[in-house]
Amino acid sequence: MLFNVATALTMTIGVSVFYLAVFLLALAAAFLLLDGHSFQQLSDQSWSIGKILESAWMTASLATLGGAVGAGLEEDDITRAAAYTRESDEG
């Protein structure tokens, strides 16, 4: 039971940290690459901080979902070996 709770907690923290990192990278990219005129041409909406935040949130969410789907397609043996096998330092 304790092992399952620790694994679930570790996975939750890991996904949250990486989601935040992808969100911040998408936000930085949006501010660096999009100006008001380009944004309005691409989206037919006026440029605003809220729209940029929304775009970064959507990008991070889709990237996280895509990563989860990709991980779900992995073979169970490969996933189990990556999660539960400890490599020795002797190699």
C-alpha atoms as a PDB file:
ATOM      1  CA  MET A   1       0.000   0.000   0.000  1.00  0.00           C
ATOM      2  CA  LEU A   2       2.742   2.444   0.992  1.00  0.00           C
ATOM      3  CA  PHE A   3       4.689   1.664  -2.198  1.00  0.00           C
ATOM      4  CA  ASN A   4       1.610   2.425  -4.335  1.00  0.00           C
ATOM      5  CA  VAL A   5       0.976   5.718  -2.524  1.00  0.00           C
ATOM      6  CA  ALA A   6       4.629   6.723  -2.899  1.00  0.00           C
ATOM      7  CA  THR A   7       4.561   5.850  -6.609  1.00  0.00           C
ATOM      8  CA  ALA A   8       1.331   7.772  -7.204  1.00  0.00           C
ATOM      9  CA  LEU A   9       2.662  10.791  -5.301  1.00  0.00           C
ATOM     10  CA  THR A  10       5.953  10.713  -7.209  1.00  0.00           C
ATOM     11  CA  MET A  11       4.157  10.501 -10.545  1.00  0.00           C
ATOM     12  CA  THR A  12       1.804  13.349  -9.608  1.00  0.00           C
ATOM     13  CA  ILE A  13       4.670  15.600  -8.559  1.00  0.00           C
ATOM     14  CA  GLY A  14       6.670  14.694 -11.674  1.00  0.00           C
ATOM     15  CA  VAL A  15       3.812  15.344 -14.086  1.00  0.00           C
ATOM     16  CA  SER A  16       2.970  18.624 -12.346  1.00  0.00           C
ATOM     17  CA  VAL A  17       6.557  19.891 -12.477  1.00  0.00           C
ATOM     18  CA  PHE A  18       6.977  18.976 -16.139  1.00  0.00           C
ATOM     19  CA  TYR A  19       3.572  20.457 -17.000  1.00  0.00           C
ATOM     20  CA  LEU A  20       4.619  23.724 -15.368  1.00  0.00           C
ATOM     21  CA  ALA A  21       7.928  23.660 -17.260  1.00  0.00           C
ATOM     22  CA  VAL A  22       6.172  23.108 -20.608  1.00  0.00           C
ATOM     23  CA  PHE A  23       3.677  25.866 -19.765  1.00  0.00           C
ATOM     24  CA  LEU A  24       6.454  28.339 -18.963  1.00  0.00           C
ATOM     25  CA  LEU A  25       8.366  27.437 -22.132  1.00  0.00           C
ATOM     26  CA  ALA A  26       5.225  27.844 -24.241  1.00  0.00           C
ATOM     27  CA  LEU A  27       4.507  31.159 -22.535  1.00  0.00           C
ATOM     28  CA  ALA A  28       8.036  32.423 -23.200  1.00  0.00           C
ATOM     29  CA  ALA A  29       7.830  31.275 -26.821  1.00  0.00           C
ATOM     30  CA  ALA A  30       4.480  33.024 -27.274  1.00  0.00           C
ATOM     31  CA  PHE A  31       5.829  36.306 -25.928  1.00  0.00           C
ATOM     32  CA  LEU A  32       9.008  36.054 -28.009  1.00  0.00           C
ATOM     33  CA  LEU A  33       7.459  34.908 -31.280  1.00  0.00           C
ATOM     34  CA  LEU A  34       4.025  36.486 -31.476  1.00  0.00           C
ATOM     35  CA  ASP A  35       3.378  40.168 -31.874  1.00  0.00           C
ATOM     36  CA  GLY A  36      -0.071  41.762 -31.811  1.00  0.00           C
ATOM     37  CA  HIS A  37      -0.474  41.926 -35.587  1.00  0.00           C
ATOM     38  CA  SER A  38       0.609  38.316 -36.208  1.00  0.00           C
ATOM     39  CA  PHE A  39      -1.579  37.023 -33.405  1.00  0.00           C
ATOM     40  CA  GLN A  40      -4.600  38.856 -34.772  1.00  0.00           C
ATOM     41  CA  GLN A  41      -3.974  37.512 -38.290  1.00  0.00           C
ATOM     42  CA  LEU A  42      -3.648  33.934 -37.064  1.00  0.00           C
ATOM     43  CA  SER A  43      -6.548  33.886 -34.612  1.00  0.00           C
ATOM     44  CA  ASP A  44      -8.901  36.703 -35.641  1.00  0.00           C
ATOM     45  CA  GLN A  45      -8.731  37.914 -32.028  1.00  0.00           C
ATOM     46  CA  SER A  46      -6.962  40.867 -30.510  1.00  0.00           C
ATOM     47  CA  TRP A  47      -3.670  40.273 -28.706  1.00  0.00           C
ATOM     48  CA  SER A  48      -3.924  40.330 -24.930  1.00  0.00           C
ATOM     49  CA  ILE A  49      -2.135  38.815 -21.973  1.00  0.00           C
ATOM     50  CA  GLY A  50      -5.153  36.588 -21.325  1.00  0.00           C
ATOM     51  CA  LYS A  51      -5.081  35.212 -24.871  1.00  0.00           C
ATOM     52  CA  ILE A  52      -1.347  34.524 -24.626  1.00  0.00           C
ATOM     53  CA  LEU A  53      -1.840  32.715 -21.302  1.00  0.00           C
ATOM     54  CA  GLU A  54      -4.700  30.747 -22.829  1.00  0.00           C
ATOM     55  CA  SER A  55      -2.541  29.744 -25.802  1.00  0.00           C
ATOM     56  CA  ALA A  56       0.307  28.608 -23.524  1.00  0.00           C
ATOM     57  CA  TRP A  57      -2.142  26.664 -21.331  1.00  0.00           C
ATOM     58  CA  MET A  58      -3.617  24.925 -24.392  1.00  0.00           C
ATOM     59  CA  THR A  59      -0.173  24.084 -25.731  1.00  0.00           C
ATOM     60  CA  ALA A  60       1.004  22.643 -22.399  1.00  0.00           C
ATOM     61  CA  SER A  61      -2.203  20.643 -21.976  1.00  0.00           C
ATOM     62  CA  LEU A  62      -2.037  19.147 -25.459  1.00  0.00           C
ATOM     63  CA  ALA A  63       1.659  18.337 -25.049  1.00  0.00           C
ATOM     64  CA  THR A  64       0.974  16.595 -21.726  1.00  0.00           C
ATOM     65  CA  LEU A  65      -1.937  14.655 -23.209  1.00  0.00           C
ATOM     66  CA  GLY A  66       0.194  13.636 -26.188  1.00  0.00           C
ATOM     67  CA  GLY A  67       2.938  12.439 -23.859  1.00  0.00           C
ATOM     68  CA  ALA A  68       0.449  10.410 -21.831  1.00  0.00           C
ATOM     69  CA  VAL A  69      -0.974   8.785 -24.963  1.00  0.00           C
ATOM     70  CA  GLY A  70       2.531   8.008 -26.189  1.00  0.00           C
ATOM     71  CA  ALA A  71       3.467   6.489 -22.834  1.00  0.00           C
ATOM     72  CA  GLY A  72       0.287   4.411 -22.906  1.00  0.00           C
ATOM     73  CA  LEU A  73       1.377   2.857 -26.181  1.00  0.00           C
ATOM     74  CA  GLU A  74       4.625   1.547 -24.704  1.00  0.00           C
ATOM     75  CA  GLU A  75       4.997  -2.144 -23.971  1.00  0.00           C
ATOM     76  CA  ASP A  76       4.196  -3.040 -20.357  1.00  0.00           C
ATOM     77  CA  ASP A  77       7.529  -4.832 -19.898  1.00  0.00           C
ATOM     78  CA  ILE A  78       9.510  -1.785 -21.020  1.00  0.00           C
ATOM     79  CA  THR A  79       7.562   0.531 -18.729  1.00  0.00           C
ATOM     80  CA  ARG A  80       7.885  -1.851 -15.784  1.00  0.00           C
ATOM     81  CA  ALA A  81      11.634  -2.212 -16.365  1.00  0.00           C
ATOM     82  CA  ALA A  82      12.095   1.572 -16.532  1.00  0.00           C
ATOM     83  CA  ALA A  83      10.075   2.158 -13.372  1.00  0.00           C
ATOM     84  CA  TYR A  84      11.232  -0.705 -11.172  1.00  0.00           C
ATOM     85  CA  THR A  85      14.741  -1.655 -12.303  1.00  0.00           C
ATOM     86  CA  ARG A  86      17.712  -0.044 -10.650  1.00  0.00           C
ATOM     87  CA  GLU A  87      20.932   0.059 -12.610  1.00  0.00           C
ATOM     88  CA  SER A  88      24.123  -0.686 -10.744  1.00  0.00           C
ATOM     89  CA  ASP A  89      26.911   1.883 -10.558  1.00  0.00           C
ATOM     90  CA  GLU A  90      29.566  -0.744 -11.314  1.00  0.00           C
ATOM     91  CA  GLY A  91      29.105  -0.703 -15.158  1.00  0.00           C
END
